[in-house]
Amino acid sequence: RGLGLTSRKNLCLHPSVKREKSGSVVDARCRSLTAGFVKEKKDRGENVAVCVYHDNLDLLEPHNLIPNGVWTFDGILRHGEEHKQCPYFTARRMMQYCNVVIFSYHYLLDPKIAERVSRDFSKDCIVVFDEAHNIDNVCIEALSTDITEDSLRRASRGAQNLEHKITEMRDTDQEQLQNEYQNLVQGLREADEARQEDAFMANPA
């Protein structure tokens, strides 16, 4: 078997999700329909939105989601449409059963993506980089972060909220500790008074 993997945006069949123009929006909406906790809610009988194309994969044999052969993006899309199964997760789940897999550098070099996508590959698999002179740029892009004025403002607000929560928890703990101390002192005082009363009753003046 051989196949290629591309983004959710290029392989999505969900009627409303695939109309989104932004890849990040498609990714977010896909996760909101396919995440494990969503399936758990559905299994508990809760009314949640799910993706039928994704759910249909669970009805198939994990190692046999597509027949043997070499699968292009168009081919796996057509197969998904015909069998009502998600092309993206079909490709994702079948990668470990394929002899040849073609995908972007990012799926192997970006730690955040590789942890999810490439972790099931055999340790002795052969990796061939096409246009290998681009590897350094891909690594720089994968491990870099863009900092904007808005992200700094949000980070500052987050730090302030965290400081407020910590202060609130500290004050609550101090109040609780003080109350427990007062209860302990009151309990000891009452016990001492009870002992004195018992002693007096046993030896009245």
N, C-alpha and C. Protein backbone atom coordinates (compact mmCIF):
# COMPACT_ATOMS: atom_id res chain seq x y z
N ARG A 1 0.84 -1.21 0.00
CA ARG A 1 0.00 0.00 0.00
C ARG A 1 0.87 1.25 0.00
N GLY A 2 0.35 2.28 -0.60
CA GLY A 2 1.00 3.58 -0.54
C GLY A 2 -0.05 4.67 -0.51
N LEU A 3 0.22 5.73 0.26
CA LEU A 3 -0.73 6.85 0.30
C LEU A 3 -0.02 8.13 0.68
N GLY A 4 -0.73 9.22 0.51
CA GLY A 4 -0.22 10.52 0.92
C GLY A 4 -1.11 11.11 1.99
N LEU A 5 -0.53 11.95 2.82
CA LEU A 5 -1.31 12.61 3.87
C LEU A 5 -1.19 14.12 3.68
N THR A 6 -2.33 14.78 3.73
CA THR A 6 -2.36 16.23 3.68
C THR A 6 -3.26 16.73 4.80
N SER A 7 -3.54 18.01 4.83
CA SER A 7 -4.27 18.60 5.95
C SER A 7 -5.75 18.22 5.95
N ARG A 8 -6.39 18.43 7.09
CA ARG A 8 -7.84 18.22 7.19
C ARG A 8 -8.58 19.04 6.14
N LYS A 9 -8.13 20.27 5.94
CA LYS A 9 -8.81 21.17 5.00
C LYS A 9 -8.91 20.56 3.61
N ASN A 10 -7.89 19.83 3.19
CA ASN A 10 -7.87 19.24 1.85
C ASN A 10 -8.64 17.93 1.77
N LEU A 11 -8.92 17.30 2.91
CA LEU A 11 -9.54 15.97 2.88
C LEU A 11 -10.89 15.90 3.58
N CYS A 12 -11.38 17.02 4.10
CA CYS A 12 -12.63 16.98 4.88
C CYS A 12 -13.85 16.78 3.98
N LEU A 13 -14.79 15.95 4.45
CA LEU A 13 -16.06 15.72 3.76
C LEU A 13 -17.26 16.27 4.52
N HIS A 14 -17.05 16.72 5.75
CA HIS A 14 -18.18 17.20 6.55
C HIS A 14 -18.81 18.41 5.85
N PRO A 15 -20.13 18.40 5.63
CA PRO A 15 -20.79 19.42 4.80
C PRO A 15 -20.51 20.86 5.22
N SER A 16 -20.53 21.14 6.52
CA SER A 16 -20.33 22.53 6.95
C SER A 16 -18.86 22.85 7.21
N VAL A 17 -18.12 21.90 7.73
CA VAL A 17 -16.71 22.15 8.07
C VAL A 17 -15.88 22.40 6.81
N LYS A 18 -16.14 21.65 5.76
CA LYS A 18 -15.31 21.77 4.56
C LYS A 18 -15.51 23.10 3.84
N ARG A 19 -16.55 23.84 4.19
CA ARG A 19 -16.78 25.15 3.57
C ARG A 19 -15.90 26.25 4.17
N GLU A 20 -15.30 25.96 5.33
CA GLU A 20 -14.44 26.96 5.97
C GLU A 20 -13.20 27.22 5.11
N LYS A 21 -12.81 28.49 5.05
CA LYS A 21 -11.66 28.85 4.21
C LYS A 21 -10.33 28.72 4.95
N SER A 22 -10.36 28.87 6.26
CA SER A 22 -9.12 28.83 7.05
C SER A 22 -8.82 27.41 7.52
N GLY A 23 -7.58 26.99 7.31
CA GLY A 23 -7.18 25.66 7.75
C GLY A 23 -7.25 25.51 9.26
N SER A 24 -6.89 26.55 10.00
CA SER A 24 -6.94 26.47 11.47
C SER A 24 -8.37 26.34 11.96
N VAL A 25 -9.32 27.00 11.27
CA VAL A 25 -10.73 26.88 11.65
C VAL A 25 -11.23 25.47 11.36
N VAL A 26 -10.84 24.92 10.22
CA VAL A 26 -11.22 23.54 9.89
C VAL A 26 -10.68 22.59 10.94
N ASP A 27 -9.41 22.76 11.33
CA ASP A 27 -8.81 21.90 12.35
C ASP A 27 -9.59 21.98 13.66
N ALA A 28 -9.91 23.21 14.08
CA ALA A 28 -10.60 23.40 15.36
C ALA A 28 -12.00 22.79 15.32
N ARG A 29 -12.72 23.00 14.24
CA ARG A 29 -14.08 22.46 14.14
C ARG A 29 -14.06 20.93 14.04
N CYS A 30 -13.06 20.42 13.34
CA CYS A 30 -12.92 18.96 13.25
C CYS A 30 -12.69 18.36 14.63
N ARG A 31 -11.79 18.95 15.40
CA ARG A 31 -11.50 18.43 16.75
C ARG A 31 -12.74 18.50 17.64
N SER A 32 -13.55 19.56 17.46
CA SER A 32 -14.75 19.70 18.29
C SER A 32 -15.79 18.63 17.99
N LEU A 33 -15.67 17.97 16.82
CA LEU A 33 -16.62 16.92 16.44
C LEU A 33 -16.06 15.51 16.62
N THR A 34 -14.73 15.40 16.76
CA THR A 34 -14.11 14.07 16.76
C THR A 34 -13.30 13.75 18.01
N ALA A 35 -13.13 14.70 18.91
CA ALA A 35 -12.29 14.48 20.10
C ALA A 35 -12.85 13.35 20.96
N GLY A 36 -11.96 12.71 21.71
CA GLY A 36 -12.37 11.59 22.55
C GLY A 36 -13.44 11.95 23.56
N PHE A 37 -13.33 13.15 24.17
CA PHE A 37 -14.32 13.52 25.18
C PHE A 37 -15.70 13.73 24.56
N VAL A 38 -15.74 14.11 23.26
CA VAL A 38 -17.03 14.26 22.56
C VAL A 38 -17.68 12.89 22.40
N LYS A 39 -16.88 11.91 22.02
CA LYS A 39 -17.40 10.54 21.87
C LYS A 39 -17.90 10.00 23.21
N GLU A 40 -17.18 10.31 24.30
CA GLU A 40 -17.60 9.87 25.63
C GLU A 40 -18.95 10.47 26.00
N LYS A 41 -19.14 11.75 25.68
CA LYS A 41 -20.44 12.38 25.95
C LYS A 41 -21.55 11.72 25.15
N LYS A 42 -21.25 11.41 23.89
CA LYS A 42 -22.25 10.75 23.05
C LYS A 42 -22.60 9.37 23.61
N ASP A 43 -21.58 8.63 24.05
CA ASP A 43 -21.80 7.29 24.61
C ASP A 43 -22.64 7.35 25.89
N ARG A 44 -22.55 8.50 26.62
CA ARG A 44 -23.36 8.66 27.83
C ARG A 44 -24.78 9.12 27.52
N GLY A 45 -25.06 9.30 26.23
CA GLY A 45 -26.41 9.69 25.83
C GLY A 45 -26.62 11.18 25.73
N GLU A 46 -25.54 11.97 25.87
CA GLU A 46 -25.69 13.42 25.78
C GLU A 46 -25.87 13.84 24.31
N ASN A 47 -26.58 14.93 24.12
CA ASN A 47 -26.85 15.43 22.78
C ASN A 47 -25.69 16.31 22.31
N VAL A 48 -24.74 15.73 21.60
CA VAL A 48 -23.57 16.46 21.12
C VAL A 48 -23.42 16.25 19.62
N ALA A 49 -22.83 17.25 18.97
CA ALA A 49 -22.58 17.15 17.53
C ALA A 49 -21.34 16.30 17.28
N VAL A 50 -21.44 15.36 16.35
CA VAL A 50 -20.31 14.50 16.00
C VAL A 50 -20.19 14.45 14.48
N CYS A 51 -19.12 13.86 14.00
CA CYS A 51 -18.91 13.69 12.56
C CYS A 51 -19.17 12.23 12.20
N VAL A 52 -20.20 12.00 11.39
CA VAL A 52 -20.56 10.62 11.03
C VAL A 52 -19.46 9.96 10.21
N TYR A 53 -18.73 10.75 9.41
CA TYR A 53 -17.65 10.19 8.60
C TYR A 53 -16.54 9.64 9.50
N HIS A 54 -16.25 10.35 10.57
CA HIS A 54 -15.23 9.90 11.52
C HIS A 54 -15.73 8.70 12.31
N ASP A 55 -16.97 8.76 12.77
CA ASP A 55 -17.53 7.66 13.58
C ASP A 55 -17.62 6.37 12.79
N ASN A 56 -17.85 6.46 11.48
CA ASN A 56 -17.97 5.25 10.66
C ASN A 56 -16.67 4.45 10.61
N LEU A 57 -15.54 5.10 10.84
CA LEU A 57 -14.26 4.38 10.84
C LEU A 57 -14.20 3.34 11.94
N ASP A 58 -14.88 3.61 13.05
CA ASP A 58 -14.86 2.67 14.18
C ASP A 58 -15.61 1.38 13.87
N LEU A 59 -16.38 1.37 12.79
CA LEU A 59 -17.13 0.18 12.39
C LEU A 59 -16.30 -0.73 11.49
N LEU A 60 -15.12 -0.27 11.08
CA LEU A 60 -14.28 -1.02 10.14
C LEU A 60 -13.08 -1.63 10.84
N GLU A 61 -12.44 -2.61 10.19
CA GLU A 61 -11.22 -3.19 10.73
C GLU A 61 -10.11 -2.14 10.69
N PRO A 62 -9.44 -1.90 11.82
CA PRO A 62 -8.45 -0.82 11.90
C PRO A 62 -7.35 -0.90 10.85
N HIS A 63 -6.97 -2.11 10.45
CA HIS A 63 -5.85 -2.27 9.51
C HIS A 63 -6.32 -2.38 8.06
N ASN A 64 -7.62 -2.24 7.84
CA ASN A 64 -8.14 -2.47 6.49
C ASN A 64 -9.17 -1.40 6.10
N LEU A 65 -8.84 -0.14 6.36
CA LEU A 65 -9.77 0.95 6.07
C LEU A 65 -9.85 1.25 4.58
N ILE A 66 -8.80 0.89 3.85
CA ILE A 66 -8.78 1.03 2.39
C ILE A 66 -8.16 -0.23 1.79
N PRO A 67 -8.54 -0.58 0.57
CA PRO A 67 -7.94 -1.76 -0.08
C PRO A 67 -6.48 -1.51 -0.42
N ASN A 68 -5.77 -2.58 -0.75
CA ASN A 68 -4.38 -2.45 -1.18
C ASN A 68 -4.31 -1.60 -2.44
N GLY A 69 -3.19 -0.93 -2.62
CA GLY A 69 -3.01 -0.09 -3.80
C GLY A 69 -2.30 1.19 -3.43
N VAL A 70 -2.08 2.03 -4.43
CA VAL A 70 -1.47 3.33 -4.23
C VAL A 70 -2.57 4.38 -4.30
N TRP A 71 -2.68 5.17 -3.24
CA TRP A 71 -3.80 6.09 -3.10
C TRP A 71 -3.35 7.55 -3.21
N THR A 72 -3.93 8.24 -4.20
CA THR A 72 -3.72 9.68 -4.31
C THR A 72 -4.73 10.40 -3.42
N PHE A 73 -4.56 11.71 -3.26
CA PHE A 73 -5.53 12.48 -2.47
C PHE A 73 -6.92 12.38 -3.08
N ASP A 74 -7.00 12.52 -4.40
CA ASP A 74 -8.31 12.43 -5.07
C ASP A 74 -8.92 11.05 -4.88
N GLY A 75 -8.07 10.02 -4.96
CA GLY A 75 -8.57 8.66 -4.81
C GLY A 75 -9.13 8.40 -3.42
N ILE A 76 -8.42 8.85 -2.41
CA ILE A 76 -8.89 8.61 -1.04
C ILE A 76 -10.12 9.46 -0.72
N LEU A 77 -10.24 10.64 -1.37
CA LEU A 77 -11.45 11.45 -1.23
C LEU A 77 -12.65 10.73 -1.83
N ARG A 78 -12.47 10.20 -3.04
CA ARG A 78 -13.58 9.48 -3.69
C ARG A 78 -13.99 8.26 -2.87
N HIS A 79 -13.00 7.54 -2.35
CA HIS A 79 -13.30 6.36 -1.53
C HIS A 79 -14.07 6.78 -0.28
N GLY A 80 -13.68 7.89 0.32
CA GLY A 80 -14.39 8.38 1.50
C GLY A 80 -15.82 8.76 1.19
N GLU A 81 -16.04 9.42 0.06
CA GLU A 81 -17.39 9.80 -0.33
C GLU A 81 -18.26 8.57 -0.58
N GLU A 82 -17.70 7.58 -1.26
CA GLU A 82 -18.46 6.38 -1.60
C GLU A 82 -18.83 5.57 -0.36
N HIS A 83 -17.92 5.52 0.62
CA HIS A 83 -18.13 4.67 1.79
C HIS A 83 -18.47 5.46 3.06
N LYS A 84 -18.68 6.77 2.90
CA LYS A 84 -19.06 7.63 4.04
C LYS A 84 -18.06 7.51 5.20
N GLN A 85 -16.77 7.56 4.85
CA GLN A 85 -15.74 7.51 5.89
C GLN A 85 -14.76 8.66 5.69
N CYS A 86 -14.20 9.15 6.78
CA CYS A 86 -13.34 10.33 6.76
C CYS A 86 -12.01 10.04 6.05
N PRO A 87 -11.72 10.73 4.94
CA PRO A 87 -10.45 10.50 4.24
C PRO A 87 -9.23 10.87 5.07
N TYR A 88 -9.33 11.95 5.84
CA TYR A 88 -8.17 12.40 6.63
C TYR A 88 -7.79 11.36 7.66
N PHE A 89 -8.75 10.91 8.47
CA PHE A 89 -8.42 9.94 9.51
C PHE A 89 -8.20 8.54 8.93
N THR A 90 -8.76 8.28 7.75
CA THR A 90 -8.43 7.03 7.06
C THR A 90 -6.94 7.01 6.76
N ALA A 91 -6.44 8.10 6.18
CA ALA A 91 -5.01 8.18 5.87
C ALA A 91 -4.17 8.14 7.14
N ARG A 92 -4.57 8.90 8.16
CA ARG A 92 -3.82 8.92 9.42
C ARG A 92 -3.69 7.52 10.01
N ARG A 93 -4.80 6.80 10.06
CA ARG A 93 -4.79 5.49 10.73
C ARG A 93 -4.13 4.41 9.89
N MET A 94 -4.10 4.59 8.58
CA MET A 94 -3.53 3.56 7.72
C MET A 94 -2.03 3.73 7.48
N MET A 95 -1.48 4.85 7.91
CA MET A 95 -0.06 5.11 7.64
C MET A 95 0.85 4.00 8.15
N GLN A 96 0.55 3.48 9.34
CA GLN A 96 1.43 2.46 9.93
C GLN A 96 1.33 1.12 9.20
N TYR A 97 0.31 0.96 8.34
CA TYR A 97 0.15 -0.30 7.61
C TYR A 97 0.60 -0.17 6.15
N CYS A 98 1.16 0.99 5.79
CA CYS A 98 1.56 1.23 4.40
C CYS A 98 3.06 1.01 4.21
N ASN A 99 3.41 0.66 2.98
CA ASN A 99 4.82 0.49 2.64
C ASN A 99 5.48 1.82 2.30
N VAL A 100 4.70 2.72 1.70
CA VAL A 100 5.22 4.03 1.31
C VAL A 100 4.21 5.10 1.74
N VAL A 101 4.70 6.14 2.41
CA VAL A 101 3.86 7.27 2.82
C VAL A 101 4.54 8.56 2.37
N ILE A 102 3.75 9.43 1.75
CA ILE A 102 4.27 10.72 1.30
C ILE A 102 3.53 11.82 2.04
N PHE A 103 4.31 12.70 2.70
CA PHE A 103 3.66 13.83 3.37
C PHE A 103 4.64 14.98 3.55
N SER A 104 4.15 16.08 4.08
CA SER A 104 4.95 17.28 4.29
C SER A 104 6.03 17.05 5.34
N TYR A 105 7.13 17.81 5.21
CA TYR A 105 8.19 17.77 6.22
C TYR A 105 7.64 17.95 7.64
N HIS A 106 6.65 18.83 7.76
CA HIS A 106 6.15 19.21 9.09
C HIS A 106 5.65 18.01 9.89
N TYR A 107 5.09 17.02 9.21
CA TYR A 107 4.55 15.86 9.91
C TYR A 107 5.65 15.03 10.58
N LEU A 108 6.88 15.26 10.17
CA LEU A 108 7.99 14.50 10.74
C LEU A 108 8.92 15.37 11.59
N LEU A 109 9.06 16.64 11.23
CA LEU A 109 10.04 17.51 11.88
C LEU A 109 9.45 18.42 12.95
N ASP A 110 8.18 18.73 12.86
CA ASP A 110 7.55 19.58 13.87
C ASP A 110 7.16 18.71 15.06
N PRO A 111 7.79 18.89 16.22
CA PRO A 111 7.53 18.00 17.37
C PRO A 111 6.06 17.92 17.76
N LYS A 112 5.35 19.04 17.66
CA LYS A 112 3.94 19.05 18.07
C LYS A 112 3.09 18.17 17.15
N ILE A 113 3.41 18.18 15.85
CA ILE A 113 2.65 17.39 14.89
C ILE A 113 3.16 15.95 14.85
N ALA A 114 4.48 15.79 14.87
CA ALA A 114 5.07 14.45 14.77
C ALA A 114 4.63 13.54 15.90
N GLU A 115 4.44 14.10 17.10
CA GLU A 115 4.02 13.30 18.25
C GLU A 115 2.68 12.63 17.99
N ARG A 116 1.81 13.29 17.22
CA ARG A 116 0.49 12.72 16.95
C ARG A 116 0.47 11.91 15.66
N VAL A 117 1.22 12.34 14.66
CA VAL A 117 1.08 11.76 13.32
C VAL A 117 2.10 10.66 13.04
N SER A 118 3.35 10.86 13.44
CA SER A 118 4.42 9.96 13.00
C SER A 118 4.93 9.02 14.08
N ARG A 119 4.30 9.00 15.24
CA ARG A 119 4.85 8.23 16.36
C ARG A 119 4.77 6.72 16.15
N ASP A 120 3.87 6.26 15.27
CA ASP A 120 3.70 4.81 15.08
C ASP A 120 4.60 4.23 14.00
N PHE A 121 5.41 5.06 13.38
CA PHE A 121 6.32 4.54 12.37
C PHE A 121 7.38 3.65 13.00
N SER A 122 7.79 2.64 12.27
CA SER A 122 8.84 1.75 12.73
C SER A 122 10.16 2.51 12.85
N LYS A 123 10.97 2.12 13.84
CA LYS A 123 12.26 2.78 14.06
C LYS A 123 13.23 2.54 12.90
N ASP A 124 13.00 1.48 12.13
CA ASP A 124 13.93 1.18 11.04
C ASP A 124 13.37 1.58 9.67
N CYS A 125 12.35 2.43 9.66
CA CYS A 125 11.82 2.87 8.37
C CYS A 125 12.82 3.81 7.69
N ILE A 126 12.73 3.89 6.39
CA ILE A 126 13.65 4.73 5.60
C ILE A 126 12.95 6.04 5.27
N VAL A 127 13.63 7.15 5.58
CA VAL A 127 13.08 8.48 5.32
C VAL A 127 13.85 9.11 4.16
N VAL A 128 13.11 9.56 3.16
CA VAL A 128 13.70 10.23 2.01
C VAL A 128 13.17 11.66 1.97
N PHE A 129 14.07 12.64 2.04
CA PHE A 129 13.67 14.05 1.98
C PHE A 129 13.85 14.57 0.56
N ASP A 130 12.76 15.02 -0.03
CA ASP A 130 12.85 15.70 -1.32
C ASP A 130 13.10 17.19 -1.05
N GLU A 131 13.95 17.81 -1.88
CA GLU A 131 14.28 19.23 -1.66
C GLU A 131 14.83 19.43 -0.24
N ALA A 132 15.80 18.63 0.13
CA ALA A 132 16.29 18.60 1.51
C ALA A 132 16.91 19.92 1.96
N HIS A 133 17.24 20.79 1.02
CA HIS A 133 17.82 22.08 1.42
C HIS A 133 16.80 22.96 2.14
N ASN A 134 15.52 22.55 2.11
CA ASN A 134 14.48 23.32 2.81
C ASN A 134 14.31 22.90 4.27
N ILE A 135 15.02 21.86 4.69
CA ILE A 135 14.82 21.32 6.04
C ILE A 135 15.08 22.37 7.11
N ASP A 136 16.16 23.15 6.96
CA ASP A 136 16.46 24.13 8.00
C ASP A 136 15.35 25.16 8.13
N ASN A 137 14.77 25.59 7.01
CA ASN A 137 13.67 26.55 7.07
C ASN A 137 12.44 25.96 7.75
N VAL A 138 12.17 24.69 7.46
CA VAL A 138 11.03 24.02 8.08
C VAL A 138 11.22 23.92 9.59
N CYS A 139 12.45 23.57 10.01
CA CYS A 139 12.73 23.46 11.45
C CYS A 139 12.61 24.82 12.14
N ILE A 140 13.13 25.86 11.49
CA ILE A 140 13.03 27.21 12.07
C ILE A 140 11.57 27.61 12.21
N GLU A 141 10.80 27.35 11.17
CA GLU A 141 9.37 27.70 11.21
C GLU A 141 8.63 26.91 12.29
N ALA A 142 8.95 25.61 12.41
CA ALA A 142 8.24 24.75 13.36
C ALA A 142 8.54 25.13 14.80
N LEU A 143 9.76 25.60 15.06
CA LEU A 143 10.17 25.86 16.43
C LEU A 143 10.19 27.35 16.78
N SER A 144 9.59 28.16 15.92
CA SER A 144 9.52 29.60 16.17
C SER A 144 8.10 30.00 16.57
N THR A 145 8.01 31.10 17.30
CA THR A 145 6.72 31.62 17.72
C THR A 145 6.62 33.09 17.36
N ASP A 146 5.50 33.47 16.78
CA ASP A 146 5.26 34.88 16.47
C ASP A 146 4.64 35.55 17.68
N ILE A 147 5.26 36.62 18.14
CA ILE A 147 4.74 37.37 19.28
C ILE A 147 4.19 38.70 18.78
N THR A 148 2.91 38.92 19.01
CA THR A 148 2.26 40.16 18.60
C THR A 148 1.90 40.98 19.83
N GLU A 149 1.52 42.23 19.59
CA GLU A 149 1.10 43.09 20.69
C GLU A 149 -0.12 42.50 21.39
N ASP A 150 -1.02 41.92 20.59
CA ASP A 150 -2.22 41.32 21.17
C ASP A 150 -1.88 40.12 22.04
N SER A 151 -0.95 39.28 21.58
CA SER A 151 -0.57 38.10 22.39
C SER A 151 0.10 38.53 23.69
N LEU A 152 0.87 39.63 23.66
CA LEU A 152 1.49 40.14 24.89
C LEU A 152 0.43 40.66 25.86
N ARG A 153 -0.59 41.35 25.31
CA ARG A 153 -1.67 41.83 26.18
C ARG A 153 -2.41 40.67 26.83
N ARG A 154 -2.69 39.63 26.03
CA ARG A 154 -3.39 38.47 26.57
C ARG A 154 -2.54 37.74 27.61
N ALA A 155 -1.23 37.68 27.37
CA ALA A 155 -0.33 37.05 28.34
C ALA A 155 -0.30 37.84 29.64
N SER A 156 -0.30 39.17 29.52
CA SER A 156 -0.30 40.03 30.71
C SER A 156 -1.59 39.85 31.50
N ARG A 157 -2.73 39.80 30.80
CA ARG A 157 -4.01 39.58 31.49
C ARG A 157 -4.03 38.22 32.17
N GLY A 158 -3.48 37.21 31.48
CA GLY A 158 -3.43 35.88 32.06
C GLY A 158 -2.59 35.84 33.32
N ALA A 159 -1.44 36.54 33.30
CA ALA A 159 -0.57 36.59 34.48
C ALA A 159 -1.26 37.30 35.64
N GLN A 160 -1.98 38.38 35.33
CA GLN A 160 -2.70 39.11 36.38
C GLN A 160 -3.82 38.27 36.98
N ASN A 161 -4.54 37.55 36.11
CA ASN A 161 -5.60 36.66 36.61
C ASN A 161 -5.02 35.56 37.49
N LEU A 162 -3.87 35.02 37.08
CA LEU A 162 -3.23 33.97 37.87
C LEU A 162 -2.79 34.51 39.23
N GLU A 163 -2.21 35.72 39.24
CA GLU A 163 -1.80 36.33 40.51
C GLU A 163 -3.01 36.54 41.43
N HIS A 164 -4.12 36.98 40.84
CA HIS A 164 -5.34 37.20 41.63
C HIS A 164 -5.84 35.89 42.23
N LYS A 165 -5.82 34.83 41.42
CA LYS A 165 -6.28 33.52 41.90
C LYS A 165 -5.39 33.00 43.03
N ILE A 166 -4.08 33.16 42.87
CA ILE A 166 -3.14 32.70 43.90
C ILE A 166 -3.37 33.46 45.20
N THR A 167 -3.54 34.79 45.10
CA THR A 167 -3.81 35.60 46.30
C THR A 167 -5.12 35.17 46.95
N GLU A 168 -6.12 34.92 46.13
CA GLU A 168 -7.43 34.50 46.63
C GLU A 168 -7.32 33.17 47.36
N MET A 169 -6.57 32.22 46.77
CA MET A 169 -6.39 30.91 47.39
C MET A 169 -5.60 31.04 48.69
N ARG A 170 -4.57 31.91 48.70
CA ARG A 170 -3.76 32.09 49.89
C ARG A 170 -4.60 32.67 51.03
N ASP A 171 -5.42 33.68 50.69
CA ASP A 171 -6.29 34.29 51.70
C ASP A 171 -7.30 33.28 52.23
N THR A 172 -7.83 32.47 51.32
CA THR A 172 -8.80 31.44 51.74
C THR A 172 -8.15 30.43 52.66
N ASP A 173 -6.92 30.01 52.32
CA ASP A 173 -6.20 29.04 53.14
C ASP A 173 -5.89 29.62 54.52
N GLN A 174 -5.49 30.90 54.55
CA GLN A 174 -5.18 31.54 55.83
C GLN A 174 -6.42 31.63 56.70
N GLU A 175 -7.54 31.99 56.08
CA GLU A 175 -8.79 32.10 56.83
C GLU A 175 -9.22 30.73 57.36
N GLN A 176 -9.08 29.71 56.51
CA GLN A 176 -9.45 28.36 56.93
C GLN A 176 -8.55 27.89 58.08
N LEU A 177 -7.23 28.17 57.97
CA LEU A 177 -6.29 27.78 59.01
C LEU A 177 -6.61 28.50 60.32
N GLN A 178 -6.94 29.79 60.23
CA GLN A 178 -7.28 30.57 61.42
C GLN A 178 -8.54 30.02 62.08
N ASN A 179 -9.54 29.67 61.26
CA ASN A 179 -10.78 29.11 61.81
C ASN A 179 -10.53 27.77 62.50
N GLU A 180 -9.69 26.93 61.87
CA GLU A 180 -9.38 25.64 62.47
C GLU A 180 -8.62 25.83 63.79
N TYR A 181 -7.71 26.82 63.82
CA TYR A 181 -6.97 27.11 65.05
C TYR A 181 -7.92 27.56 66.16
N GLN A 182 -8.85 28.47 65.82
CA GLN A 182 -9.81 28.95 66.82
C GLN A 182 -10.69 27.81 67.33
N ASN A 183 -11.10 26.92 66.41
CA ASN A 183 -11.91 25.77 66.83
C ASN A 183 -11.13 24.86 67.77
N LEU A 184 -9.82 24.68 67.47
CA LEU A 184 -8.98 23.84 68.32
C LEU A 184 -8.83 24.46 69.70
N VAL A 185 -8.55 25.78 69.74
CA VAL A 185 -8.41 26.48 71.03
C VAL A 185 -9.71 26.40 71.82
N GLN A 186 -10.84 26.63 71.14
CA GLN A 186 -12.13 26.57 71.82
C GLN A 186 -12.40 25.17 72.35
N GLY A 187 -12.04 24.16 71.56
CA GLY A 187 -12.24 22.79 72.00
C GLY A 187 -11.40 22.46 73.23
N LEU A 188 -10.13 22.91 73.24
CA LEU A 188 -9.27 22.68 74.39
C LEU A 188 -9.78 23.41 75.63
N ARG A 189 -10.27 24.65 75.41
CA ARG A 189 -10.80 25.43 76.53
C ARG A 189 -12.02 24.73 77.15
N GLU A 190 -12.92 24.27 76.27
CA GLU A 190 -14.12 23.60 76.76
C GLU A 190 -13.77 22.30 77.47
N ALA A 191 -12.77 21.58 76.93
CA ALA A 191 -12.35 20.33 77.57
C ALA A 191 -11.75 20.61 78.95
N ASP A 192 -10.95 21.68 79.05
CA ASP A 192 -10.35 22.04 80.34
C ASP A 192 -11.41 22.46 81.34
N GLU A 193 -12.39 23.24 80.87
CA GLU A 193 -13.48 23.66 81.76
C GLU A 193 -14.28 22.45 82.23
N ALA A 194 -14.48 21.49 81.33
CA ALA A 194 -15.23 20.29 81.70
C ALA A 194 -14.47 19.49 82.75
N ARG A 195 -13.12 19.41 82.61
CA ARG A 195 -12.33 18.68 83.59
C ARG A 195 -12.40 19.37 84.95
N GLN A 196 -12.30 20.71 84.94
CA GLN A 196 -12.37 21.45 86.20
C GLN A 196 -13.74 21.27 86.87
N GLU A 197 -14.79 21.25 86.05
CA GLU A 197 -16.13 21.05 86.60
C GLU A 197 -16.27 19.66 87.19
N ASP A 198 -15.71 18.66 86.48
CA ASP A 198 -15.77 17.28 86.99
C ASP A 198 -15.02 17.18 88.31
N ALA A 199 -13.85 17.85 88.36
CA ALA A 199 -13.06 17.80 89.60
C ALA A 199 -13.81 18.48 90.74
N PHE A 200 -14.48 19.59 90.46
CA PHE A 200 -15.23 20.30 91.50
C PHE A 200 -16.41 19.47 92.00
N MET A 201 -17.09 18.82 91.04
CA MET A 201 -18.26 18.01 91.43
C MET A 201 -17.82 16.81 92.26
N ALA A 202 -16.63 16.30 91.96
CA ALA A 202 -16.15 15.15 92.72
C ALA A 202 -15.68 15.56 94.11
N ASN A 203 -15.21 16.81 94.27
CA ASN A 203 -14.73 17.30 95.57
C ASN A 203 -15.37 18.65 95.86
N PRO A 204 -16.65 18.70 96.14
CA PRO A 204 -17.31 19.99 96.39
C PRO A 204 -16.76 20.65 97.65
N ALA A 205 -16.75 21.95 97.66
CA ALA A 205 -16.22 22.71 98.81
C ALA A 205 -17.16 22.56 100.00
